[in-house]
Amino acid sequence: MKILRPNGNECPPAELGADGKILNYDDAVGEICRVAPDTGFFQGYFDNTKANADKYRDGVYHSGDLGHVLIREGRRYLFFDGRTDDWIRKDGENFSAGQVDALSWSTPTSPSRSRTGSPAPSPTNG
């Protein structure tokens, strides 16, 4: 997994200040991407070459999700910050990322309020 800017350069991890706030938020946020091919991951749209070309560029899958990585105590944490098009489509309806996030944090019966991602590879295991 990589966090990429629109120009294809990788974003640096977020850095926390002494007050716990992110110092370089604007520099750290980019599109959440995965290097293809990943045989256990999305392989493409069936019979839709245009959609595949939009998502797969230069061997990289572009999710359309915006996020940043924070490294604490040697562990990488992925945070979801929105969408490049700012809409999530579910059952024919459009929802903004902010609506989904606000709902998940405002529902007292929600069993979990964390965001989950897959571990990023370390420099030693690729």
Foldseek 3Di string as FASTA:
>chain_A
DFFAAPVGDTADAFDADPVRDTPPVVRFKHFDKDADDDVVDDPDDPPDVVRRCVQADPRMGGPQWMWGWHADPNFIDIDTDWGVVQWDDDPRDTDGPVVVLVVLVPDPPNPDNDDDDDGDDDPVPD
